[in-house]
């Protein structure tokens, strides 16, 4: 995610192979039975390190994925994906489009992909319920949102617009000690598929015209957790009509048009976003059924809740992603 920083896998700073590094089709055995117990070497450096140039952006992310096959008769494990296996992120990215409904490369966050359009094929079954895939993240995780609301709830009954406080809705969604919390009522299989993730919870200027700046504002404050809500920018980026619906102000001005090209428009009651409103204490944004983005007091109990979460990377998927043949998860 950072062109100034280079990762070498099993190679040194001169791009030369490191002897003894674990590679595909190697067999792992117990440490007492082999000198090669499975080391992977990662060399990280600035692209222009020889000239002692410091990177402008000093952070980057990477993911190393391992697939394993039981070796016949040897008692060891062979490194390498089984034939035909394809991670969920790879499977979905291979369906990416540049027009119509479907998965698009995100123009705002390189390496990320987002679903856009009136009804893309992004249905997925999770916890024996129907959800929608919002995005394929850079780390290979999938951001998903429940298709139907779990009820009308306050964002925060104490009138605080700080999700990380935690807000009362945050507590209800994530508590591991409250037997009645949303998290504790998920199946054990579903819990095992959730990846704790960083969520952008920064405040937004109402009716702003700069989606790039809005995303930066959202990501300027983060919270790490299991279950949250989609952000306002998640909603805006899901619209294929970028000309008339490409930012906050345009969407609210052209709501009659924008509601026809965004699958995240609610069919009935409005639902909460995770984003609070800048300059207005105790106010957060909601997505309305006419497709506009409005704000209301966080103590309001007339707003729906559509939980969102990130699925762990390297799951595989069956199905077609349609409403009658949704993706199903193989963990």
C-alpha atoms as a PDB file:
ATOM      1  CA  UNK A   1       0.000   0.000   0.000  1.00  0.00           C
ATOM      2  CA  UNK A   2       3.028   2.316  -0.005  1.00  0.00           C
ATOM      3  CA  UNK A   3       5.199   2.736  -3.079  1.00  0.00           C
ATOM      4  CA  UNK A   4       8.060   4.083  -0.937  1.00  0.00           C
ATOM      5  CA  UNK A   5       8.404   0.822   1.004  1.00  0.00           C
ATOM      6  CA  UNK A   6       9.415  -2.556  -0.434  1.00  0.00           C
ATOM      7  CA  UNK A   7       8.876  -6.034   1.005  1.00  0.00           C
ATOM      8  CA  UNK A   8      11.131  -8.886  -0.076  1.00  0.00           C
ATOM      9  CA  UNK A   9       9.769 -12.314   0.745  1.00  0.00           C
ATOM     10  CA  UNK A  10      12.534 -14.880   1.302  1.00  0.00           C
ATOM     11  CA  UNK A  11      15.040 -12.490  -0.303  1.00  0.00           C
ATOM     12  CA  UNK A  12      17.634 -10.083   1.037  1.00  0.00           C
ATOM     13  CA  UNK A  13      18.007  -6.361   0.312  1.00  0.00           C
ATOM     14  CA  UNK A  14      19.796  -7.230  -2.937  1.00  0.00           C
ATOM     15  CA  UNK A  15      16.823  -9.311  -4.095  1.00  0.00           C
ATOM     16  CA  UNK A  16      18.851 -12.510  -3.693  1.00  0.00           C
ATOM     17  CA  UNK A  17      17.230 -15.738  -2.497  1.00  0.00           C
ATOM     18  CA  UNK A  18      17.826 -16.591   1.159  1.00  0.00           C
ATOM     19  CA  UNK A  19      19.053 -20.143   1.497  1.00  0.00           C
ATOM     20  CA  UNK A  20      16.839 -22.370   3.593  1.00  0.00           C
ATOM     21  CA  UNK A  21      13.756 -20.136   3.446  1.00  0.00           C
ATOM     22  CA  UNK A  22      10.431 -21.932   3.390  1.00  0.00           C
ATOM     23  CA  UNK A  23       8.943 -22.135  -0.104  1.00  0.00           C
ATOM     24  CA  UNK A  24       5.992 -23.721  -1.840  1.00  0.00           C
ATOM     25  CA  UNK A  25       5.939 -27.548  -1.868  1.00  0.00           C
ATOM     26  CA  UNK A  26       8.373 -27.783   1.056  1.00  0.00           C
ATOM     27  CA  UNK A  27       7.454 -30.394   3.637  1.00  0.00           C
ATOM     28  CA  UNK A  28       7.377 -29.442   7.312  1.00  0.00           C
ATOM     29  CA  UNK A  29       8.250 -31.951  10.017  1.00  0.00           C
ATOM     30  CA  UNK A  30       8.843 -31.691  13.734  1.00  0.00           C
ATOM     31  CA  UNK A  31      11.795 -29.563  14.800  1.00  0.00           C
ATOM     32  CA  UNK A  32      13.526 -32.602  16.244  1.00  0.00           C
ATOM     33  CA  UNK A  33      13.372 -34.361  12.876  1.00  0.00           C
ATOM     34  CA  UNK A  34      14.457 -31.593  10.498  1.00  0.00           C
ATOM     35  CA  UNK A  35      16.662 -28.522  10.392  1.00  0.00           C
ATOM     36  CA  UNK A  36      13.991 -26.762   8.331  1.00  0.00           C
ATOM     37  CA  UNK A  37      11.038 -26.171  10.603  1.00  0.00           C
ATOM     38  CA  UNK A  38       9.531 -23.551   8.345  1.00  0.00           C
ATOM     39  CA  UNK A  39      11.014 -20.078   8.425  1.00  0.00           C
ATOM     40  CA  UNK A  40       9.826 -17.263   6.171  1.00  0.00           C
ATOM     41  CA  UNK A  41      12.113 -14.243   5.857  1.00  0.00           C
ATOM     42  CA  UNK A  42      10.766 -10.766   5.202  1.00  0.00           C
ATOM     43  CA  UNK A  43      13.099  -7.899   4.325  1.00  0.00           C
ATOM     44  CA  UNK A  44      11.590  -4.418   4.581  1.00  0.00           C
ATOM     45  CA  UNK A  45      13.295  -1.268   3.378  1.00  0.00           C
ATOM     46  CA  UNK A  46      12.762   2.126   1.862  1.00  0.00           C
ATOM     47  CA  UNK A  47      12.753   2.019  -1.909  1.00  0.00           C
ATOM     48  CA  UNK A  48      15.565   4.582  -2.130  1.00  0.00           C
ATOM     49  CA  UNK A  49      17.506   3.405   0.926  1.00  0.00           C
ATOM     50  CA  UNK A  50      20.869   3.422  -0.870  1.00  0.00           C
ATOM     51  CA  UNK A  51      20.572   7.205  -1.258  1.00  0.00           C
ATOM     52  CA  UNK A  52      19.324   7.486   2.331  1.00  0.00           C
ATOM     53  CA  UNK A  53      16.031   8.991   1.217  1.00  0.00           C
ATOM     54  CA  UNK A  54      13.291   8.752   3.827  1.00  0.00           C
ATOM     55  CA  UNK A  55       9.852   7.655   2.666  1.00  0.00           C
ATOM     56  CA  UNK A  56       7.170  10.335   2.623  1.00  0.00           C
ATOM     57  CA  UNK A  57       4.656   7.889   4.064  1.00  0.00           C
ATOM     58  CA  UNK A  58       6.307   5.766   6.710  1.00  0.00           C
ATOM     59  CA  UNK A  59       3.765   2.965   7.132  1.00  0.00           C
ATOM     60  CA  UNK A  60       2.727   0.060   4.937  1.00  0.00           C
ATOM     61  CA  UNK A  61       0.831  -3.185   5.369  1.00  0.00           C
ATOM     62  CA  UNK A  62       1.352  -6.700   4.133  1.00  0.00           C
ATOM     63  CA  UNK A  63      -0.317 -10.074   4.476  1.00  0.00           C
ATOM     64  CA  UNK A  64       1.371 -13.480   4.266  1.00  0.00           C
ATOM     65  CA  UNK A  65      -1.034 -16.365   3.725  1.00  0.00           C
ATOM     66  CA  UNK A  66      -0.307 -20.061   4.224  1.00  0.00           C
ATOM     67  CA  UNK A  67      -2.332 -22.977   2.907  1.00  0.00           C
ATOM     68  CA  UNK A  68      -1.533 -26.499   4.045  1.00  0.00           C
ATOM     69  CA  UNK A  69      -2.001 -29.991   2.668  1.00  0.00           C
ATOM     70  CA  UNK A  70      -1.420 -33.182   4.620  1.00  0.00           C
ATOM     71  CA  UNK A  71       1.409 -35.079   2.955  1.00  0.00           C
ATOM     72  CA  UNK A  72       0.614 -38.712   2.203  1.00  0.00           C
ATOM     73  CA  UNK A  73       2.576 -41.091   4.394  1.00  0.00           C
ATOM     74  CA  UNK A  74       5.325 -38.678   5.402  1.00  0.00           C
ATOM     75  CA  UNK A  75       3.724 -37.266   8.525  1.00  0.00           C
ATOM     76  CA  UNK A  76       4.662 -33.779   7.402  1.00  0.00           C
ATOM     77  CA  UNK A  77       2.696 -30.916   5.916  1.00  0.00           C
ATOM     78  CA  UNK A  78       3.167 -29.593   2.406  1.00  0.00           C
ATOM     79  CA  UNK A  79       3.052 -25.844   1.910  1.00  0.00           C
ATOM     80  CA  UNK A  80       0.976 -24.745  -1.051  1.00  0.00           C
ATOM     81  CA  UNK A  81      -2.670 -24.156  -1.950  1.00  0.00           C
ATOM     82  CA  UNK A  82      -4.767 -27.127  -2.912  1.00  0.00           C
ATOM     83  CA  UNK A  83      -5.596 -27.205  -6.584  1.00  0.00           C
ATOM     84  CA  UNK A  84      -8.768 -25.221  -7.236  1.00  0.00           C
ATOM     85  CA  UNK A  85      -8.659 -23.345  -3.922  1.00  0.00           C
ATOM     86  CA  UNK A  86      -9.065 -19.610  -4.307  1.00  0.00           C
ATOM     87  CA  UNK A  87      -9.324 -17.124  -1.470  1.00  0.00           C
ATOM     88  CA  UNK A  88     -12.516 -15.125  -1.206  1.00  0.00           C
ATOM     89  CA  UNK A  89     -10.710 -11.878  -1.995  1.00  0.00           C
ATOM     90  CA  UNK A  90      -9.122 -13.335  -5.129  1.00  0.00           C
ATOM     91  CA  UNK A  91     -12.404 -14.869  -6.255  1.00  0.00           C
ATOM     92  CA  UNK A  92     -14.236 -11.574  -5.886  1.00  0.00           C
ATOM     93  CA  UNK A  93     -11.516  -9.391  -7.383  1.00  0.00           C
ATOM     94  CA  UNK A  94     -11.561 -11.614 -10.459  1.00  0.00           C
ATOM     95  CA  UNK A  95     -15.162 -10.478 -11.017  1.00  0.00           C
ATOM     96  CA  UNK A  96     -14.299  -6.746 -10.936  1.00  0.00           C
ATOM     97  CA  UNK A  97     -16.020  -4.491 -13.490  1.00  0.00           C
ATOM     98  CA  UNK A  98     -15.656  -0.956 -14.805  1.00  0.00           C
ATOM     99  CA  UNK A  99     -19.324  -0.312 -15.607  1.00  0.00           C
ATOM    100  CA  UNK A 100     -22.741  -1.426 -14.424  1.00  0.00           C
ATOM    101  CA  UNK A 101     -23.447  -3.098 -11.102  1.00  0.00           C
ATOM    102  CA  UNK A 102     -20.546  -4.972  -9.531  1.00  0.00           C
ATOM    103  CA  UNK A 103     -17.194  -4.802  -7.789  1.00  0.00           C
ATOM    104  CA  UNK A 104     -14.987  -1.804  -8.627  1.00  0.00           C
ATOM    105  CA  UNK A 105     -11.444  -0.833  -7.749  1.00  0.00           C
ATOM    106  CA  UNK A 106     -11.763   1.916  -5.139  1.00  0.00           C
ATOM    107  CA  UNK A 107     -10.402   5.165  -6.585  1.00  0.00           C
ATOM    108  CA  UNK A 108      -9.940   6.628  -3.098  1.00  0.00           C
ATOM    109  CA  UNK A 109      -8.028   3.836  -1.355  1.00  0.00           C
ATOM    110  CA  UNK A 110      -5.674   1.899  -3.678  1.00  0.00           C
ATOM    111  CA  UNK A 111      -5.798  -1.865  -3.338  1.00  0.00           C
ATOM    112  CA  UNK A 112      -9.346  -1.815  -1.988  1.00  0.00           C
ATOM    113  CA  UNK A 113     -12.426  -2.901  -3.957  1.00  0.00           C
ATOM    114  CA  UNK A 114     -16.029  -1.810  -3.381  1.00  0.00           C
ATOM    115  CA  UNK A 115     -19.435  -2.971  -4.551  1.00  0.00           C
ATOM    116  CA  UNK A 116     -21.491  -0.380  -6.425  1.00  0.00           C
ATOM    117  CA  UNK A 117     -24.846  -0.165  -8.167  1.00  0.00           C
ATOM    118  CA  UNK A 118     -28.553  -0.776  -7.714  1.00  0.00           C
ATOM    119  CA  UNK A 119     -28.247  -4.504  -6.972  1.00  0.00           C
ATOM    120  CA  UNK A 120     -24.777  -6.033  -7.407  1.00  0.00           C
ATOM    121  CA  UNK A 121     -24.199  -9.729  -6.805  1.00  0.00           C
ATOM    122  CA  UNK A 122     -22.743  -9.287  -3.330  1.00  0.00           C
ATOM    123  CA  UNK A 123     -25.129 -11.340  -1.208  1.00  0.00           C
ATOM    124  CA  UNK A 124     -23.439 -13.550   1.371  1.00  0.00           C
ATOM    125  CA  UNK A 125     -24.725 -15.876   4.082  1.00  0.00           C
ATOM    126  CA  UNK A 126     -23.264 -15.217   7.534  1.00  0.00           C
ATOM    127  CA  UNK A 127     -24.628 -16.511  10.839  1.00  0.00           C
ATOM    128  CA  UNK A 128     -27.367 -18.207   8.743  1.00  0.00           C
ATOM    129  CA  UNK A 129     -28.595 -14.760   7.679  1.00  0.00           C
ATOM    130  CA  UNK A 130     -28.357 -12.678   4.519  1.00  0.00           C
ATOM    131  CA  UNK A 131     -25.686  -9.974   4.474  1.00  0.00           C
ATOM    132  CA  UNK A 132     -24.160  -7.812   1.713  1.00  0.00           C
ATOM    133  CA  UNK A 133     -20.443  -7.533   0.956  1.00  0.00           C
ATOM    134  CA  UNK A 134     -19.436  -3.854   1.112  1.00  0.00           C
ATOM    135  CA  UNK A 135     -15.772  -4.159   0.159  1.00  0.00           C
ATOM    136  CA  UNK A 136     -12.708  -6.313  -0.305  1.00  0.00           C
ATOM    137  CA  UNK A 137     -10.028  -4.752   1.877  1.00  0.00           C
ATOM    138  CA  UNK A 138      -6.313  -4.451   1.164  1.00  0.00           C
ATOM    139  CA  UNK A 139      -5.561  -7.114   3.787  1.00  0.00           C
ATOM    140  CA  UNK A 140      -7.918  -9.600   2.110  1.00  0.00           C
ATOM    141  CA  UNK A 141     -10.695  -9.263   4.667  1.00  0.00           C
ATOM    142  CA  UNK A 142     -14.277  -8.674   3.516  1.00  0.00           C
ATOM    143  CA  UNK A 143     -16.386  -5.900   5.020  1.00  0.00           C
ATOM    144  CA  UNK A 144     -19.999  -7.030   5.180  1.00  0.00           C
ATOM    145  CA  UNK A 145     -23.275  -5.517   6.423  1.00  0.00           C
ATOM    146  CA  UNK A 146     -26.446  -7.270   7.532  1.00  0.00           C
ATOM    147  CA  UNK A 147     -29.166  -6.899   4.918  1.00  0.00           C
ATOM    148  CA  UNK A 148     -31.999  -6.324   7.413  1.00  0.00           C
ATOM    149  CA  UNK A 149     -32.161  -4.190  10.516  1.00  0.00           C
ATOM    150  CA  UNK A 150     -31.930  -5.774  13.962  1.00  0.00           C
ATOM    151  CA  UNK A 151     -34.364  -3.170  15.299  1.00  0.00           C
ATOM    152  CA  UNK A 152     -34.684   0.504  16.197  1.00  0.00           C
ATOM    153  CA  UNK A 153     -32.076   1.610  18.725  1.00  0.00           C
ATOM    154  CA  UNK A 154     -30.323   4.724  20.003  1.00  0.00           C
ATOM    155  CA  UNK A 155     -26.761   5.365  18.817  1.00  0.00           C
ATOM    156  CA  UNK A 156     -25.987   6.541  22.338  1.00  0.00           C
ATOM    157  CA  UNK A 157     -28.542   7.036  25.089  1.00  0.00           C
ATOM    158  CA  UNK A 158     -26.199   9.381  26.997  1.00  0.00           C
ATOM    159  CA  UNK A 159     -26.101  11.845  24.041  1.00  0.00           C
ATOM    160  CA  UNK A 160     -22.406  11.304  23.374  1.00  0.00           C
ATOM    161  CA  UNK A 161     -21.262  11.213  19.732  1.00  0.00           C
ATOM    162  CA  UNK A 162     -18.054   9.308  20.592  1.00  0.00           C
ATOM    163  CA  UNK A 163     -18.435   5.758  19.274  1.00  0.00           C
ATOM    164  CA  UNK A 164     -15.236   4.673  21.054  1.00  0.00           C
ATOM    165  CA  UNK A 165     -16.500   5.863  24.475  1.00  0.00           C
ATOM    166  CA  UNK A 166     -18.053   3.267  23.946  1.00  0.00           C
ATOM    167  CA  UNK A 167     -21.479   4.401  22.835  1.00  0.00           C
ATOM    168  CA  UNK A 168     -24.415   2.343  24.048  1.00  0.00           C
ATOM    169  CA  UNK A 169     -24.915   0.887  20.565  1.00  0.00           C
ATOM    170  CA  UNK A 170     -21.236  -0.042  20.406  1.00  0.00           C
ATOM    171  CA  UNK A 171     -21.583  -1.809  23.757  1.00  0.00           C
ATOM    172  CA  UNK A 172     -24.709  -3.670  22.660  1.00  0.00           C
ATOM    173  CA  UNK A 173     -23.058  -4.857  19.446  1.00  0.00           C
ATOM    174  CA  UNK A 174     -19.722  -5.902  20.971  1.00  0.00           C
ATOM    175  CA  UNK A 175     -20.068  -6.835  24.627  1.00  0.00           C
ATOM    176  CA  UNK A 176     -18.612 -10.231  25.504  1.00  0.00           C
ATOM    177  CA  UNK A 177     -19.959 -10.146  29.073  1.00  0.00           C
ATOM    178  CA  UNK A 178     -23.604  -9.241  28.459  1.00  0.00           C
ATOM    179  CA  UNK A 179     -25.524 -12.403  27.585  1.00  0.00           C
ATOM    180  CA  UNK A 180     -28.056 -10.280  25.664  1.00  0.00           C
ATOM    181  CA  UNK A 181     -25.508  -8.487  23.463  1.00  0.00           C
ATOM    182  CA  UNK A 182     -25.581  -8.905  19.705  1.00  0.00           C
ATOM    183  CA  UNK A 183     -22.090 -10.465  19.661  1.00  0.00           C
ATOM    184  CA  UNK A 184     -22.911 -13.037  22.320  1.00  0.00           C
ATOM    185  CA  UNK A 185     -25.940 -14.184  20.356  1.00  0.00           C
ATOM    186  CA  UNK A 186     -23.957 -14.981  17.219  1.00  0.00           C
ATOM    187  CA  UNK A 187     -23.133 -18.622  16.580  1.00  0.00           C
ATOM    188  CA  UNK A 188     -19.683 -19.825  17.627  1.00  0.00           C
ATOM    189  CA  UNK A 189     -18.849 -20.453  13.959  1.00  0.00           C
ATOM    190  CA  UNK A 190     -19.786 -16.879  13.079  1.00  0.00           C
ATOM    191  CA  UNK A 191     -17.672 -15.462  15.909  1.00  0.00           C
ATOM    192  CA  UNK A 192     -14.679 -17.392  14.606  1.00  0.00           C
ATOM    193  CA  UNK A 193     -14.994 -15.690  11.210  1.00  0.00           C
ATOM    194  CA  UNK A 194     -14.891 -12.116  12.530  1.00  0.00           C
ATOM    195  CA  UNK A 195     -11.658 -10.153  12.301  1.00  0.00           C
ATOM    196  CA  UNK A 196     -11.060  -7.299  14.714  1.00  0.00           C
ATOM    197  CA  UNK A 197     -10.440  -4.263  12.544  1.00  0.00           C
ATOM    198  CA  UNK A 198      -9.768  -0.534  12.578  1.00  0.00           C
ATOM    199  CA  UNK A 199     -12.902   1.512  11.874  1.00  0.00           C
ATOM    200  CA  UNK A 200     -12.881   5.133  10.761  1.00  0.00           C
ATOM    201  CA  UNK A 201     -15.108   7.021  13.213  1.00  0.00           C
ATOM    202  CA  UNK A 202     -14.042  10.619  12.533  1.00  0.00           C
ATOM    203  CA  UNK A 203     -16.632  13.414  12.367  1.00  0.00           C
ATOM    204  CA  UNK A 204     -17.875  14.799   9.026  1.00  0.00           C
ATOM    205  CA  UNK A 205     -18.949  18.194   7.793  1.00  0.00           C
ATOM    206  CA  UNK A 206     -22.603  18.138   6.754  1.00  0.00           C
ATOM    207  CA  UNK A 207     -23.273  18.565   3.018  1.00  0.00           C
ATOM    208  CA  UNK A 208     -19.552  18.639   2.158  1.00  0.00           C
ATOM    209  CA  UNK A 209     -18.489  18.530  -1.506  1.00  0.00           C
ATOM    210  CA  UNK A 210     -15.105  16.791  -1.151  1.00  0.00           C
ATOM    211  CA  UNK A 211     -15.325  13.016  -0.751  1.00  0.00           C
ATOM    212  CA  UNK A 212     -11.535  12.638  -0.596  1.00  0.00           C
ATOM    213  CA  UNK A 213     -11.346  15.019   2.370  1.00  0.00           C
ATOM    214  CA  UNK A 214     -14.378  13.341   3.938  1.00  0.00           C
ATOM    215  CA  UNK A 215     -12.685   9.925   3.831  1.00  0.00           C
ATOM    216  CA  UNK A 216      -9.549  11.435   5.366  1.00  0.00           C
ATOM    217  CA  UNK A 217     -11.680  12.931   8.132  1.00  0.00           C
ATOM    218  CA  UNK A 218     -13.386   9.600   8.805  1.00  0.00           C
ATOM    219  CA  UNK A 219     -10.062   7.779   8.975  1.00  0.00           C
ATOM    220  CA  UNK A 220      -8.472  10.524  11.086  1.00  0.00           C
ATOM    221  CA  UNK A 221     -10.016   8.927  14.173  1.00  0.00           C
ATOM    222  CA  UNK A 222     -10.179   5.156  14.487  1.00  0.00           C
ATOM    223  CA  UNK A 223     -11.583   2.531  16.806  1.00  0.00           C
ATOM    224  CA  UNK A 224     -10.530  -1.119  16.857  1.00  0.00           C
ATOM    225  CA  UNK A 225     -13.291  -3.633  17.356  1.00  0.00           C
ATOM    226  CA  UNK A 226     -15.354  -6.493  16.009  1.00  0.00           C
ATOM    227  CA  UNK A 227     -18.740  -5.073  15.042  1.00  0.00           C
ATOM    228  CA  UNK A 228     -19.596  -1.575  13.886  1.00  0.00           C
ATOM    229  CA  UNK A 229     -21.642   0.253  11.251  1.00  0.00           C
ATOM    230  CA  UNK A 230     -20.826   1.410   7.750  1.00  0.00           C
ATOM    231  CA  UNK A 231     -19.482   4.938   7.371  1.00  0.00           C
ATOM    232  CA  UNK A 232     -21.107   7.681   5.312  1.00  0.00           C
ATOM    233  CA  UNK A 233     -18.352   7.309   2.711  1.00  0.00           C
ATOM    234  CA  UNK A 234     -19.102   3.567   2.431  1.00  0.00           C
ATOM    235  CA  UNK A 235     -22.628   4.569   1.484  1.00  0.00           C
ATOM    236  CA  UNK A 236     -21.637   7.300  -0.968  1.00  0.00           C
ATOM    237  CA  UNK A 237     -19.007   5.152  -2.702  1.00  0.00           C
ATOM    238  CA  UNK A 238     -21.597   2.429  -3.391  1.00  0.00           C
ATOM    239  CA  UNK A 239     -23.321   4.640  -5.988  1.00  0.00           C
ATOM    240  CA  UNK A 240     -22.407   4.090  -9.654  1.00  0.00           C
ATOM    241  CA  UNK A 241     -23.692   7.552 -10.624  1.00  0.00           C
ATOM    242  CA  UNK A 242     -20.634   9.547  -9.561  1.00  0.00           C
ATOM    243  CA  UNK A 243     -21.618  12.539 -11.701  1.00  0.00           C
ATOM    244  CA  UNK A 244     -24.812  13.283  -9.800  1.00  0.00           C
ATOM    245  CA  UNK A 245     -24.180  11.351  -6.587  1.00  0.00           C
ATOM    246  CA  UNK A 246     -20.406  11.477  -6.145  1.00  0.00           C
ATOM    247  CA  UNK A 247     -20.280  13.342  -2.850  1.00  0.00           C
ATOM    248  CA  UNK A 248     -22.362  14.218   0.194  1.00  0.00           C
ATOM    249  CA  UNK A 249     -23.864  17.428  -1.201  1.00  0.00           C
ATOM    250  CA  UNK A 250     -24.670  15.983  -4.622  1.00  0.00           C
ATOM    251  CA  UNK A 251     -26.389  12.954  -3.099  1.00  0.00           C
ATOM    252  CA  UNK A 252     -28.664  15.099  -0.980  1.00  0.00           C
ATOM    253  CA  UNK A 253     -29.417  17.464  -3.857  1.00  0.00           C
ATOM    254  CA  UNK A 254     -30.149  14.696  -6.376  1.00  0.00           C
ATOM    255  CA  UNK A 255     -31.666  12.173  -3.984  1.00  0.00           C
ATOM    256  CA  UNK A 256     -34.488  11.214  -6.362  1.00  0.00           C
ATOM    257  CA  UNK A 257     -31.916  10.094  -8.917  1.00  0.00           C
ATOM    258  CA  UNK A 258     -29.350   8.720  -6.481  1.00  0.00           C
ATOM    259  CA  UNK A 259     -31.751   6.256  -4.888  1.00  0.00           C
ATOM    260  CA  UNK A 260     -31.903   4.268  -8.145  1.00  0.00           C
ATOM    261  CA  UNK A 261     -28.185   3.460  -8.356  1.00  0.00           C
ATOM    262  CA  UNK A 262     -27.199   2.494  -4.801  1.00  0.00           C
ATOM    263  CA  UNK A 263     -28.058  -0.865  -3.203  1.00  0.00           C
ATOM    264  CA  UNK A 264     -27.450   0.560   0.284  1.00  0.00           C
ATOM    265  CA  UNK A 265     -30.559   2.779   0.165  1.00  0.00           C
ATOM    266  CA  UNK A 266     -32.898   1.391   2.865  1.00  0.00           C
ATOM    267  CA  UNK A 267     -36.268   0.043   1.767  1.00  0.00           C
ATOM    268  CA  UNK A 268     -38.061   1.219   4.898  1.00  0.00           C
ATOM    269  CA  UNK A 269     -36.777   2.860   8.091  1.00  0.00           C
ATOM    270  CA  UNK A 270     -33.520   4.860   8.004  1.00  0.00           C
ATOM    271  CA  UNK A 271     -30.448   3.284   9.557  1.00  0.00           C
ATOM    272  CA  UNK A 272     -27.443   4.599  11.477  1.00  0.00           C
ATOM    273  CA  UNK A 273     -23.971   5.234  10.081  1.00  0.00           C
ATOM    274  CA  UNK A 274     -20.939   5.113  12.371  1.00  0.00           C
ATOM    275  CA  UNK A 275     -20.030   8.718  11.457  1.00  0.00           C
ATOM    276  CA  UNK A 276     -20.826  11.642  13.816  1.00  0.00           C
ATOM    277  CA  UNK A 277     -21.491  15.183  12.604  1.00  0.00           C
ATOM    278  CA  UNK A 278     -18.698  17.726  13.000  1.00  0.00           C
ATOM    279  CA  UNK A 279     -19.505  20.755  15.094  1.00  0.00           C
ATOM    280  CA  UNK A 280     -22.717  19.312  16.535  1.00  0.00           C
ATOM    281  CA  UNK A 281     -22.288  17.502  19.835  1.00  0.00           C
ATOM    282  CA  UNK A 282     -24.502  14.465  20.223  1.00  0.00           C
ATOM    283  CA  UNK A 283     -25.416  14.135  16.530  1.00  0.00           C
ATOM    284  CA  UNK A 284     -24.693  11.309  14.077  1.00  0.00           C
ATOM    285  CA  UNK A 285     -25.637  10.574  10.483  1.00  0.00           C
ATOM    286  CA  UNK A 286     -28.399   8.342   9.168  1.00  0.00           C
ATOM    287  CA  UNK A 287     -29.136   6.924   5.710  1.00  0.00           C
ATOM    288  CA  UNK A 288     -32.745   7.626   4.724  1.00  0.00           C
ATOM    289  CA  UNK A 289     -35.051   5.691   2.421  1.00  0.00           C
ATOM    290  CA  UNK A 290     -35.074   8.531  -0.130  1.00  0.00           C
ATOM    291  CA  UNK A 291     -31.250   8.032  -0.357  1.00  0.00           C
ATOM    292  CA  UNK A 292     -30.256  11.291   1.332  1.00  0.00           C
ATOM    293  CA  UNK A 293     -27.828  11.450   4.261  1.00  0.00           C
ATOM    294  CA  UNK A 294     -29.219  13.344   7.243  1.00  0.00           C
ATOM    295  CA  UNK A 295     -28.224  13.808  10.864  1.00  0.00           C
ATOM    296  CA  UNK A 296     -30.158  13.332  14.058  1.00  0.00           C
ATOM    297  CA  UNK A 297     -29.611  13.206  17.797  1.00  0.00           C
ATOM    298  CA  UNK A 298     -27.765  10.069  18.881  1.00  0.00           C
ATOM    299  CA  UNK A 299     -30.390   9.384  21.537  1.00  0.00           C
ATOM    300  CA  UNK A 300     -33.058   8.825  18.838  1.00  0.00           C
ATOM    301  CA  UNK A 301     -34.651   5.388  19.072  1.00  0.00           C
ATOM    302  CA  UNK A 302     -36.460   5.564  15.724  1.00  0.00           C
ATOM    303  CA  UNK A 303     -33.449   4.566  13.628  1.00  0.00           C
ATOM    304  CA  UNK A 304     -32.556   1.084  12.397  1.00  0.00           C
ATOM    305  CA  UNK A 305     -29.313  -0.793  13.019  1.00  0.00           C
ATOM    306  CA  UNK A 306     -27.567  -2.816  10.299  1.00  0.00           C
ATOM    307  CA  UNK A 307     -24.443  -4.313  11.916  1.00  0.00           C
ATOM    308  CA  UNK A 308     -21.251  -4.428   9.875  1.00  0.00           C
ATOM    309  CA  UNK A 309     -18.068  -6.442  10.416  1.00  0.00           C
ATOM    310  CA  UNK A 310     -14.938  -7.746   8.711  1.00  0.00           C
ATOM    311  CA  UNK A 311     -14.517 -11.411   7.787  1.00  0.00           C
ATOM    312  CA  UNK A 312     -11.079 -12.929   8.301  1.00  0.00           C
ATOM    313  CA  UNK A 313      -8.864 -13.169   5.177  1.00  0.00           C
ATOM    314  CA  UNK A 314      -8.274 -16.418   3.322  1.00  0.00           C
ATOM    315  CA  UNK A 315     -11.710 -17.915   3.650  1.00  0.00           C
ATOM    316  CA  UNK A 316     -13.074 -19.427   0.468  1.00  0.00           C
ATOM    317  CA  UNK A 317     -16.509 -18.912  -1.019  1.00  0.00           C
ATOM    318  CA  UNK A 318     -19.077 -21.013  -2.836  1.00  0.00           C
ATOM    319  CA  UNK A 319     -22.147 -19.641  -4.603  1.00  0.00           C
ATOM    320  CA  UNK A 320     -22.754 -16.861  -7.098  1.00  0.00           C
ATOM    321  CA  UNK A 321     -23.467 -13.872  -4.868  1.00  0.00           C
ATOM    322  CA  UNK A 322     -27.008 -13.490  -6.174  1.00  0.00           C
ATOM    323  CA  UNK A 323     -30.025 -13.137  -3.884  1.00  0.00           C
ATOM    324  CA  UNK A 324     -31.135 -16.721  -4.619  1.00  0.00           C
ATOM    325  CA  UNK A 325     -27.591 -18.184  -4.695  1.00  0.00           C
ATOM    326  CA  UNK A 326     -25.653 -16.076  -2.165  1.00  0.00           C
ATOM    327  CA  UNK A 327     -22.002 -16.672  -1.392  1.00  0.00           C
ATOM    328  CA  UNK A 328     -21.469 -19.206   1.390  1.00  0.00           C
ATOM    329  CA  UNK A 329     -18.327 -19.310   3.504  1.00  0.00           C
ATOM    330  CA  UNK A 330     -15.885 -22.178   3.759  1.00  0.00           C
ATOM    331  CA  UNK A 331     -13.638 -21.488   6.737  1.00  0.00           C
END
